[in-house]
Amino acid sequence: MKKIEVPTFRFLEETIKRMDQPGLLLVSGTSKQANVMTIGWGLPGILWGRPFFIVAVRPSRYTYQFIEETGDFTVNVPRRGMEEIVSYCGTVSGRDHNKFKEKGLTLLPSGHVKSPMIEECIIHYECKVAYKIKVVKEDLPSAIISSCYPRGDYHTLYFGEIISVHADENLNLEKD
């Protein structure tokens, strides 16, 4: 399917809906070596007068090293029917599995960042890290610590400026 550039927040509602269920696919790395992970937490919006997608990645995740190396990432919105793939990408580590190959995912070069996009997805956000901050245990309510960080593996929040957004040409959200 041909990809076309679209206005930054044209598919914001659908992106948020699919982030909640089944999740989105975050990719970082290069066309030679990258990793994909599932995200269910993220914040697209406006910050400092620019469009951003904030994502949370634990330092223990394989993707973390790629974001640190490239300084960028893509957020890919899966089409309907990719639920099992999204689940798989959130269950196994790229250190031990080539998730792209195992699930038949095709990497597409991005236009503005090093990290590739996933061809089988319908919407793609190209993001360049403008800022990052580590979640600090002492600043969190105890309920969040006990429910989200029982092992003490606190996220780093990456503030990715959205450089470009692409979508399938003739995207029909009723079908995809």
N, C-alpha and C. Protein backbone atom coordinates (compact mmCIF):
# COMPACT_ATOMS: atom_id res chain seq x y z
N MET A 1 0.84 -1.18 0.00
CA MET A 1 0.00 0.00 0.00
C MET A 1 0.89 1.24 0.00
N LYS A 2 0.59 2.17 -0.87
CA LYS A 2 1.35 3.41 -0.96
C LYS A 2 1.08 4.27 0.28
N LYS A 3 2.14 4.89 0.81
CA LYS A 3 2.04 5.77 1.97
C LYS A 3 2.08 7.22 1.52
N ILE A 4 1.23 8.04 2.12
CA ILE A 4 1.21 9.46 1.80
C ILE A 4 1.37 10.26 3.09
N GLU A 5 1.95 11.44 2.98
CA GLU A 5 2.08 12.32 4.14
C GLU A 5 0.71 12.93 4.43
N VAL A 6 0.37 12.99 5.70
CA VAL A 6 -0.93 13.53 6.13
C VAL A 6 -0.71 14.57 7.22
N PRO A 7 -1.71 15.43 7.47
CA PRO A 7 -1.58 16.40 8.57
C PRO A 7 -1.32 15.67 9.90
N THR A 8 -0.53 16.28 10.74
CA THR A 8 -0.02 15.64 11.97
C THR A 8 -1.08 14.93 12.79
N PHE A 9 -2.18 15.58 13.08
CA PHE A 9 -3.17 14.98 13.98
C PHE A 9 -4.45 14.55 13.27
N ARG A 10 -4.36 14.30 11.98
CA ARG A 10 -5.53 13.87 11.22
C ARG A 10 -6.14 12.58 11.78
N PHE A 11 -5.30 11.65 12.21
CA PHE A 11 -5.79 10.37 12.71
C PHE A 11 -5.54 10.20 14.21
N LEU A 12 -5.57 11.31 14.94
CA LEU A 12 -5.30 11.29 16.37
C LEU A 12 -6.30 10.42 17.13
N GLU A 13 -7.58 10.59 16.86
CA GLU A 13 -8.61 9.82 17.57
C GLU A 13 -8.41 8.32 17.38
N GLU A 14 -8.14 7.90 16.16
CA GLU A 14 -7.92 6.48 15.88
C GLU A 14 -6.63 5.99 16.52
N THR A 15 -5.61 6.83 16.53
CA THR A 15 -4.34 6.46 17.15
C THR A 15 -4.54 6.18 18.64
N ILE A 16 -5.23 7.07 19.33
CA ILE A 16 -5.47 6.89 20.77
C ILE A 16 -6.34 5.66 21.02
N LYS A 17 -7.34 5.47 20.19
CA LYS A 17 -8.22 4.30 20.33
C LYS A 17 -7.42 3.00 20.21
N ARG A 18 -6.55 2.94 19.23
CA ARG A 18 -5.78 1.70 19.02
C ARG A 18 -4.62 1.57 20.00
N MET A 19 -4.17 2.70 20.58
CA MET A 19 -3.15 2.60 21.62
C MET A 19 -3.74 1.85 22.82
N ASP A 20 -5.00 2.13 23.11
CA ASP A 20 -5.67 1.45 24.21
C ASP A 20 -5.93 -0.01 23.89
N GLN A 21 -6.28 -0.31 22.66
CA GLN A 21 -6.59 -1.68 22.27
C GLN A 21 -6.39 -1.82 20.76
N PRO A 22 -5.46 -2.53 20.27
CA PRO A 22 -4.63 -3.54 20.90
C PRO A 22 -3.28 -3.04 21.39
N GLY A 23 -2.93 -1.78 21.07
CA GLY A 23 -1.62 -1.21 21.35
C GLY A 23 -1.00 -0.73 20.04
N LEU A 24 0.05 0.05 20.14
CA LEU A 24 0.76 0.55 18.98
C LEU A 24 2.14 -0.11 18.92
N LEU A 25 2.78 -0.02 17.77
CA LEU A 25 4.10 -0.62 17.60
C LEU A 25 5.16 0.47 17.48
N LEU A 26 6.07 0.49 18.44
CA LEU A 26 7.16 1.46 18.49
C LEU A 26 8.39 0.80 17.89
N VAL A 27 9.02 1.48 16.94
CA VAL A 27 10.23 0.96 16.30
C VAL A 27 11.35 1.96 16.49
N SER A 28 12.54 1.44 16.83
CA SER A 28 13.72 2.28 16.84
C SER A 28 14.90 1.44 16.35
N GLY A 29 15.83 2.14 15.73
CA GLY A 29 17.00 1.47 15.15
C GLY A 29 17.23 1.98 13.75
N THR A 30 17.78 1.12 12.92
CA THR A 30 18.03 1.46 11.52
C THR A 30 17.48 0.34 10.65
N SER A 31 17.56 0.52 9.36
CA SER A 31 17.09 -0.53 8.46
C SER A 31 17.93 -1.81 8.59
N LYS A 32 19.16 -1.68 9.10
CA LYS A 32 20.02 -2.86 9.28
C LYS A 32 19.75 -3.58 10.59
N GLN A 33 19.42 -2.83 11.64
CA GLN A 33 19.12 -3.46 12.92
C GLN A 33 18.17 -2.55 13.70
N ALA A 34 17.01 -3.10 14.00
CA ALA A 34 15.98 -2.34 14.72
C ALA A 34 15.22 -3.29 15.63
N ASN A 35 14.41 -2.72 16.48
CA ASN A 35 13.53 -3.53 17.32
C ASN A 35 12.15 -2.90 17.32
N VAL A 36 11.17 -3.74 17.54
CA VAL A 36 9.78 -3.31 17.65
C VAL A 36 9.25 -3.76 19.00
N MET A 37 8.51 -2.89 19.66
CA MET A 37 7.86 -3.24 20.91
C MET A 37 6.45 -2.66 20.91
N THR A 38 5.59 -3.26 21.68
CA THR A 38 4.22 -2.78 21.82
C THR A 38 4.17 -1.71 22.90
N ILE A 39 3.42 -0.64 22.62
CA ILE A 39 3.17 0.37 23.65
C ILE A 39 1.67 0.55 23.82
N GLY A 40 1.28 0.69 25.06
CA GLY A 40 -0.12 0.98 25.39
C GLY A 40 -0.23 2.29 26.14
N TRP A 41 0.93 2.89 26.41
CA TRP A 41 0.98 4.19 27.08
C TRP A 41 1.68 5.16 26.15
N GLY A 42 1.15 6.36 26.02
CA GLY A 42 1.77 7.39 25.21
C GLY A 42 0.91 8.63 25.22
N LEU A 43 1.51 9.74 24.86
CA LEU A 43 0.80 11.01 24.87
C LEU A 43 1.10 11.80 23.61
N PRO A 44 0.21 11.78 22.63
CA PRO A 44 0.37 12.69 21.49
C PRO A 44 -0.27 14.04 21.84
N GLY A 45 0.36 15.12 21.42
CA GLY A 45 -0.20 16.44 21.69
C GLY A 45 0.76 17.55 21.31
N ILE A 46 0.48 18.71 21.85
CA ILE A 46 1.28 19.90 21.55
C ILE A 46 2.09 20.28 22.79
N LEU A 47 3.38 20.51 22.60
CA LEU A 47 4.26 20.95 23.67
C LEU A 47 5.25 21.93 23.06
N TRP A 48 5.48 23.03 23.75
CA TRP A 48 6.40 24.05 23.26
C TRP A 48 6.02 24.52 21.85
N GLY A 49 4.71 24.51 21.57
CA GLY A 49 4.22 24.98 20.28
C GLY A 49 4.48 24.03 19.13
N ARG A 50 4.84 22.78 19.45
CA ARG A 50 5.16 21.79 18.41
C ARG A 50 4.42 20.50 18.69
N PRO A 51 4.21 19.67 17.66
CA PRO A 51 3.55 18.37 17.88
C PRO A 51 4.53 17.35 18.46
N PHE A 52 4.09 16.63 19.48
CA PHE A 52 4.94 15.64 20.14
C PHE A 52 4.19 14.34 20.34
N PHE A 53 4.96 13.26 20.44
CA PHE A 53 4.45 11.96 20.88
C PHE A 53 5.40 11.53 22.00
N ILE A 54 4.89 11.48 23.22
CA ILE A 54 5.70 11.08 24.36
C ILE A 54 5.48 9.59 24.59
N VAL A 55 6.57 8.85 24.65
CA VAL A 55 6.49 7.40 24.87
C VAL A 55 7.30 7.03 26.11
N ALA A 56 6.91 5.96 26.76
CA ALA A 56 7.57 5.48 27.97
C ALA A 56 8.25 4.14 27.66
N VAL A 57 9.57 4.09 27.87
CA VAL A 57 10.33 2.88 27.59
C VAL A 57 11.21 2.57 28.81
N ARG A 58 11.11 1.35 29.29
CA ARG A 58 11.93 0.93 30.43
C ARG A 58 13.37 0.67 29.97
N PRO A 59 14.36 1.05 30.78
CA PRO A 59 15.76 0.79 30.41
C PRO A 59 16.07 -0.69 30.17
N SER A 60 15.28 -1.58 30.74
CA SER A 60 15.51 -3.02 30.54
C SER A 60 15.07 -3.50 29.16
N ARG A 61 14.28 -2.71 28.46
CA ARG A 61 13.78 -3.13 27.14
C ARG A 61 14.87 -2.98 26.09
N TYR A 62 14.87 -3.90 25.16
CA TYR A 62 15.85 -3.90 24.07
C TYR A 62 15.74 -2.61 23.24
N THR A 63 14.54 -2.11 23.06
CA THR A 63 14.32 -0.89 22.28
C THR A 63 15.02 0.32 22.88
N TYR A 64 15.18 0.32 24.20
CA TYR A 64 15.80 1.44 24.90
C TYR A 64 17.16 1.79 24.29
N GLN A 65 18.00 0.78 24.06
CA GLN A 65 19.33 1.05 23.52
C GLN A 65 19.26 1.67 22.13
N PHE A 66 18.27 1.27 21.34
CA PHE A 66 18.14 1.82 19.99
C PHE A 66 17.73 3.29 20.02
N ILE A 67 16.79 3.64 20.89
CA ILE A 67 16.39 5.05 21.00
C ILE A 67 17.57 5.88 21.49
N GLU A 68 18.31 5.36 22.44
CA GLU A 68 19.49 6.07 22.94
C GLU A 68 20.51 6.29 21.83
N GLU A 69 20.68 5.30 20.96
CA GLU A 69 21.67 5.40 19.88
C GLU A 69 21.21 6.30 18.74
N THR A 70 19.96 6.14 18.31
CA THR A 70 19.47 6.90 17.14
C THR A 70 18.91 8.26 17.50
N GLY A 71 18.35 8.39 18.70
CA GLY A 71 17.69 9.64 19.08
C GLY A 71 16.37 9.84 18.37
N ASP A 72 15.80 8.74 17.89
CA ASP A 72 14.51 8.84 17.23
C ASP A 72 13.74 7.53 17.31
N PHE A 73 12.50 7.55 16.85
CA PHE A 73 11.65 6.37 16.83
C PHE A 73 10.47 6.62 15.92
N THR A 74 9.78 5.56 15.56
CA THR A 74 8.50 5.69 14.86
C THR A 74 7.43 5.01 15.70
N VAL A 75 6.24 5.58 15.65
CA VAL A 75 5.07 4.97 16.28
C VAL A 75 4.17 4.55 15.13
N ASN A 76 3.83 3.26 15.10
CA ASN A 76 3.09 2.67 13.99
C ASN A 76 1.75 2.16 14.49
N VAL A 77 0.68 2.56 13.82
CA VAL A 77 -0.67 2.17 14.20
C VAL A 77 -1.07 0.94 13.40
N PRO A 78 -1.32 -0.18 14.09
CA PRO A 78 -1.64 -1.42 13.37
C PRO A 78 -3.04 -1.39 12.75
N ARG A 79 -3.17 -2.10 11.67
CA ARG A 79 -4.50 -2.26 11.06
C ARG A 79 -5.25 -3.34 11.82
N ARG A 80 -6.54 -3.40 11.62
CA ARG A 80 -7.33 -4.48 12.21
C ARG A 80 -6.81 -5.81 11.71
N GLY A 81 -6.84 -6.80 12.55
CA GLY A 81 -6.33 -8.11 12.19
C GLY A 81 -4.89 -8.34 12.62
N MET A 82 -4.24 -7.30 13.17
CA MET A 82 -2.85 -7.44 13.61
C MET A 82 -2.75 -7.64 15.13
N GLU A 83 -3.87 -7.94 15.77
CA GLU A 83 -3.89 -8.04 17.23
C GLU A 83 -2.89 -9.07 17.77
N GLU A 84 -2.78 -10.22 17.12
CA GLU A 84 -1.86 -11.25 17.59
C GLU A 84 -0.42 -10.80 17.42
N ILE A 85 -0.13 -10.07 16.36
CA ILE A 85 1.22 -9.55 16.14
C ILE A 85 1.57 -8.53 17.21
N VAL A 86 0.64 -7.63 17.51
CA VAL A 86 0.86 -6.62 18.54
C VAL A 86 1.10 -7.29 19.88
N SER A 87 0.32 -8.30 20.19
CA SER A 87 0.49 -9.04 21.45
C SER A 87 1.87 -9.70 21.50
N TYR A 88 2.25 -10.34 20.42
CA TYR A 88 3.55 -11.02 20.35
C TYR A 88 4.69 -10.03 20.57
N CYS A 89 4.61 -8.87 19.90
CA CYS A 89 5.68 -7.88 19.99
C CYS A 89 5.80 -7.28 21.39
N GLY A 90 4.77 -7.43 22.19
CA GLY A 90 4.82 -6.97 23.57
C GLY A 90 5.14 -8.07 24.55
N THR A 91 5.32 -9.28 24.06
CA THR A 91 5.53 -10.44 24.93
C THR A 91 6.95 -10.98 24.87
N VAL A 92 7.57 -10.94 23.69
CA VAL A 92 8.92 -11.50 23.54
C VAL A 92 9.94 -10.38 23.34
N SER A 93 11.19 -10.65 23.66
CA SER A 93 12.25 -9.66 23.53
C SER A 93 12.95 -9.79 22.18
N GLY A 94 13.26 -8.64 21.60
CA GLY A 94 14.04 -8.61 20.38
C GLY A 94 15.47 -9.08 20.57
N ARG A 95 15.92 -9.18 21.81
CA ARG A 95 17.25 -9.75 22.07
C ARG A 95 17.29 -11.22 21.67
N ASP A 96 16.13 -11.88 21.82
CA ASP A 96 16.04 -13.32 21.58
C ASP A 96 15.27 -13.71 20.32
N HIS A 97 14.53 -12.78 19.76
CA HIS A 97 13.67 -13.07 18.61
C HIS A 97 13.78 -11.96 17.57
N ASN A 98 13.76 -12.34 16.30
CA ASN A 98 13.64 -11.36 15.23
C ASN A 98 12.14 -11.23 14.96
N LYS A 99 11.51 -10.31 15.68
CA LYS A 99 10.06 -10.18 15.61
C LYS A 99 9.58 -9.79 14.21
N PHE A 100 10.36 -8.99 13.50
CA PHE A 100 9.99 -8.60 12.14
C PHE A 100 9.87 -9.84 11.26
N LYS A 101 10.91 -10.66 11.28
CA LYS A 101 10.93 -11.86 10.45
C LYS A 101 9.88 -12.87 10.90
N GLU A 102 9.80 -13.11 12.21
CA GLU A 102 8.88 -14.12 12.73
C GLU A 102 7.42 -13.78 12.47
N LYS A 103 7.10 -12.49 12.40
CA LYS A 103 5.70 -12.08 12.18
C LYS A 103 5.46 -11.48 10.80
N GLY A 104 6.44 -11.58 9.92
CA GLY A 104 6.26 -11.12 8.55
C GLY A 104 6.07 -9.62 8.42
N LEU A 105 6.75 -8.86 9.27
CA LEU A 105 6.65 -7.41 9.21
C LEU A 105 7.74 -6.84 8.31
N THR A 106 7.36 -5.92 7.45
CA THR A 106 8.26 -5.32 6.47
C THR A 106 8.67 -3.94 6.92
N LEU A 107 9.98 -3.70 6.96
CA LEU A 107 10.47 -2.38 7.33
C LEU A 107 10.51 -1.47 6.11
N LEU A 108 10.02 -0.26 6.31
CA LEU A 108 10.06 0.79 5.28
C LEU A 108 10.95 1.91 5.78
N PRO A 109 11.79 2.46 4.91
CA PRO A 109 12.59 3.60 5.37
C PRO A 109 11.68 4.79 5.67
N SER A 110 12.01 5.50 6.73
CA SER A 110 11.30 6.73 7.05
C SER A 110 11.89 7.86 6.22
N GLY A 111 11.15 8.92 6.10
CA GLY A 111 11.64 10.05 5.31
C GLY A 111 12.52 11.02 6.07
N HIS A 112 12.36 11.06 7.43
CA HIS A 112 13.02 12.11 8.19
C HIS A 112 13.79 11.63 9.41
N VAL A 113 13.65 10.36 9.78
CA VAL A 113 14.38 9.81 10.92
C VAL A 113 15.07 8.52 10.50
N LYS A 114 16.02 8.06 11.31
CA LYS A 114 16.74 6.82 11.00
C LYS A 114 15.87 5.59 11.18
N SER A 115 15.02 5.62 12.20
CA SER A 115 14.20 4.45 12.53
C SER A 115 13.18 4.19 11.43
N PRO A 116 13.03 2.93 11.04
CA PRO A 116 12.09 2.59 9.97
C PRO A 116 10.63 2.54 10.47
N MET A 117 9.74 2.45 9.50
CA MET A 117 8.30 2.27 9.75
C MET A 117 7.95 0.82 9.42
N ILE A 118 6.76 0.40 9.81
CA ILE A 118 6.27 -0.95 9.50
C ILE A 118 5.22 -0.84 8.41
N GLU A 119 5.52 -1.41 7.26
CA GLU A 119 4.64 -1.29 6.08
C GLU A 119 3.22 -1.78 6.36
N GLU A 120 3.06 -2.83 7.12
CA GLU A 120 1.74 -3.43 7.35
C GLU A 120 0.84 -2.56 8.23
N CYS A 121 1.40 -1.57 8.89
CA CYS A 121 0.60 -0.66 9.71
C CYS A 121 -0.03 0.42 8.83
N ILE A 122 -1.04 1.11 9.36
CA ILE A 122 -1.81 2.06 8.54
C ILE A 122 -1.43 3.52 8.75
N ILE A 123 -0.87 3.84 9.91
CA ILE A 123 -0.48 5.21 10.23
C ILE A 123 0.90 5.16 10.87
N HIS A 124 1.74 6.15 10.56
CA HIS A 124 3.13 6.15 11.03
C HIS A 124 3.52 7.56 11.47
N TYR A 125 4.02 7.67 12.70
CA TYR A 125 4.52 8.93 13.23
C TYR A 125 6.05 8.85 13.31
N GLU A 126 6.74 9.73 12.60
CA GLU A 126 8.19 9.81 12.66
C GLU A 126 8.56 10.83 13.74
N CYS A 127 9.31 10.39 14.75
CA CYS A 127 9.58 11.24 15.91
C CYS A 127 11.07 11.35 16.20
N LYS A 128 11.51 12.57 16.47
CA LYS A 128 12.90 12.86 16.85
C LYS A 128 12.90 13.26 18.32
N VAL A 129 13.73 12.58 19.12
CA VAL A 129 13.77 12.86 20.55
C VAL A 129 14.30 14.28 20.78
N ALA A 130 13.47 15.10 21.44
CA ALA A 130 13.86 16.47 21.77
C ALA A 130 14.24 16.59 23.24
N TYR A 131 13.73 15.65 24.05
CA TYR A 131 13.95 15.71 25.49
C TYR A 131 13.64 14.33 26.05
N LYS A 132 14.28 14.02 27.17
CA LYS A 132 13.96 12.78 27.87
C LYS A 132 14.11 13.02 29.36
N ILE A 133 13.37 12.24 30.11
CA ILE A 133 13.44 12.35 31.57
C ILE A 133 13.13 10.99 32.17
N LYS A 134 13.84 10.65 33.22
CA LYS A 134 13.62 9.38 33.91
C LYS A 134 12.53 9.57 34.96
N VAL A 135 11.64 8.61 35.08
CA VAL A 135 10.63 8.63 36.11
C VAL A 135 11.33 8.45 37.46
N VAL A 136 10.99 9.29 38.40
CA VAL A 136 11.63 9.27 39.72
C VAL A 136 10.66 8.67 40.74
N LYS A 137 11.09 7.61 41.37
CA LYS A 137 10.26 6.88 42.34
C LYS A 137 9.68 7.81 43.40
N GLU A 138 10.48 8.68 43.94
CA GLU A 138 10.06 9.55 45.04
C GLU A 138 8.95 10.53 44.63
N ASP A 139 8.78 10.75 43.34
CA ASP A 139 7.77 11.68 42.87
C ASP A 139 6.45 11.00 42.50
N LEU A 140 6.39 9.69 42.64
CA LEU A 140 5.20 8.93 42.26
C LEU A 140 4.33 8.58 43.46
N PRO A 141 3.01 8.57 43.26
CA PRO A 141 2.12 8.06 44.32
C PRO A 141 2.39 6.57 44.54
N SER A 142 2.24 6.11 45.76
CA SER A 142 2.52 4.71 46.09
C SER A 142 1.65 3.75 45.30
N ALA A 143 0.42 4.14 44.97
CA ALA A 143 -0.45 3.26 44.19
C ALA A 143 0.11 2.99 42.80
N ILE A 144 0.74 3.98 42.20
CA ILE A 144 1.36 3.79 40.87
C ILE A 144 2.60 2.91 41.00
N ILE A 145 3.38 3.14 42.04
CA ILE A 145 4.58 2.32 42.25
C ILE A 145 4.19 0.85 42.40
N SER A 146 3.19 0.57 43.22
CA SER A 146 2.83 -0.83 43.45
C SER A 146 2.17 -1.48 42.24
N SER A 147 1.42 -0.71 41.45
CA SER A 147 0.73 -1.31 40.31
C SER A 147 1.58 -1.34 39.03
N CYS A 148 2.43 -0.35 38.83
CA CYS A 148 3.18 -0.25 37.57
C CYS A 148 4.67 -0.55 37.69
N TYR A 149 5.20 -0.50 38.92
CA TYR A 149 6.64 -0.69 39.08
C TYR A 149 6.99 -1.66 40.22
N PRO A 150 6.36 -2.82 40.25
CA PRO A 150 6.65 -3.73 41.36
C PRO A 150 8.11 -4.22 41.37
N ARG A 151 8.77 -4.19 40.20
CA ARG A 151 10.17 -4.62 40.12
C ARG A 151 11.15 -3.44 40.10
N GLY A 152 10.62 -2.22 40.22
CA GLY A 152 11.48 -1.05 40.27
C GLY A 152 12.11 -0.66 38.95
N ASP A 153 11.56 -1.12 37.84
CA ASP A 153 12.10 -0.82 36.51
C ASP A 153 11.37 0.41 35.96
N TYR A 154 11.82 1.59 36.37
CA TYR A 154 11.13 2.84 36.04
C TYR A 154 11.42 3.29 34.61
N HIS A 155 10.39 3.79 33.96
CA HIS A 155 10.49 4.23 32.57
C HIS A 155 11.38 5.46 32.40
N THR A 156 11.86 5.61 31.19
CA THR A 156 12.35 6.88 30.69
C THR A 156 11.27 7.39 29.75
N LEU A 157 10.90 8.65 29.91
CA LEU A 157 9.92 9.26 29.00
C LEU A 157 10.68 9.97 27.90
N TYR A 158 10.39 9.61 26.66
CA TYR A 158 11.01 10.23 25.50
C TYR A 158 9.99 11.18 24.86
N PHE A 159 10.36 12.43 24.76
CA PHE A 159 9.53 13.44 24.15
C PHE A 159 9.94 13.52 22.68
N GLY A 160 9.19 12.83 21.83
CA GLY A 160 9.52 12.77 20.41
C GLY A 160 8.77 13.81 19.62
N GLU A 161 9.50 14.79 19.09
CA GLU A 161 8.83 15.76 18.22
C GLU A 161 8.39 15.05 16.96
N ILE A 162 7.13 15.19 16.62
CA ILE A 162 6.60 14.54 15.42
C ILE A 162 7.08 15.35 14.21
N ILE A 163 7.93 14.71 13.43
CA ILE A 163 8.52 15.37 12.26
C ILE A 163 7.64 15.19 11.03
N SER A 164 6.99 14.03 10.95
CA SER A 164 6.17 13.71 9.78
C SER A 164 5.20 12.59 10.14
N VAL A 165 4.05 12.59 9.48
CA VAL A 165 3.08 11.52 9.67
C VAL A 165 2.68 11.00 8.30
N HIS A 166 2.67 9.68 8.18
CA HIS A 166 2.26 9.02 6.94
C HIS A 166 1.12 8.07 7.22
N ALA A 167 0.33 7.83 6.20
CA ALA A 167 -0.78 6.88 6.31
C ALA A 167 -0.96 6.20 4.97
N ASP A 168 -1.67 5.07 5.01
CA ASP A 168 -1.99 4.39 3.76
C ASP A 168 -2.81 5.33 2.88
N GLU A 169 -2.45 5.36 1.60
CA GLU A 169 -3.25 6.12 0.65
C GLU A 169 -4.66 5.53 0.64
N ASN A 170 -5.66 6.37 0.61
CA ASN A 170 -7.06 5.94 0.62
C ASN A 170 -7.42 5.15 1.87
N LEU A 171 -6.85 5.52 3.00
CA LEU A 171 -7.12 4.84 4.26
C LEU A 171 -8.61 4.89 4.58
N ASN A 172 -9.17 3.72 4.83
CA ASN A 172 -10.57 3.59 5.22
C ASN A 172 -10.60 2.95 6.61
N LEU A 173 -10.80 3.77 7.63
CA LEU A 173 -10.75 3.28 9.00
C LEU A 173 -11.88 2.28 9.31
N GLU A 174 -12.92 2.30 8.52
CA GLU A 174 -14.01 1.33 8.71
C GLU A 174 -13.54 -0.09 8.43
N LYS A 175 -12.60 -0.22 7.47
CA LYS A 175 -12.11 -1.54 7.07
C LYS A 175 -10.78 -1.88 7.73
N ASP A 176 -9.95 -0.86 7.92
CA ASP A 176 -8.60 -1.09 8.46
C ASP A 176 -8.62 -0.96 9.96
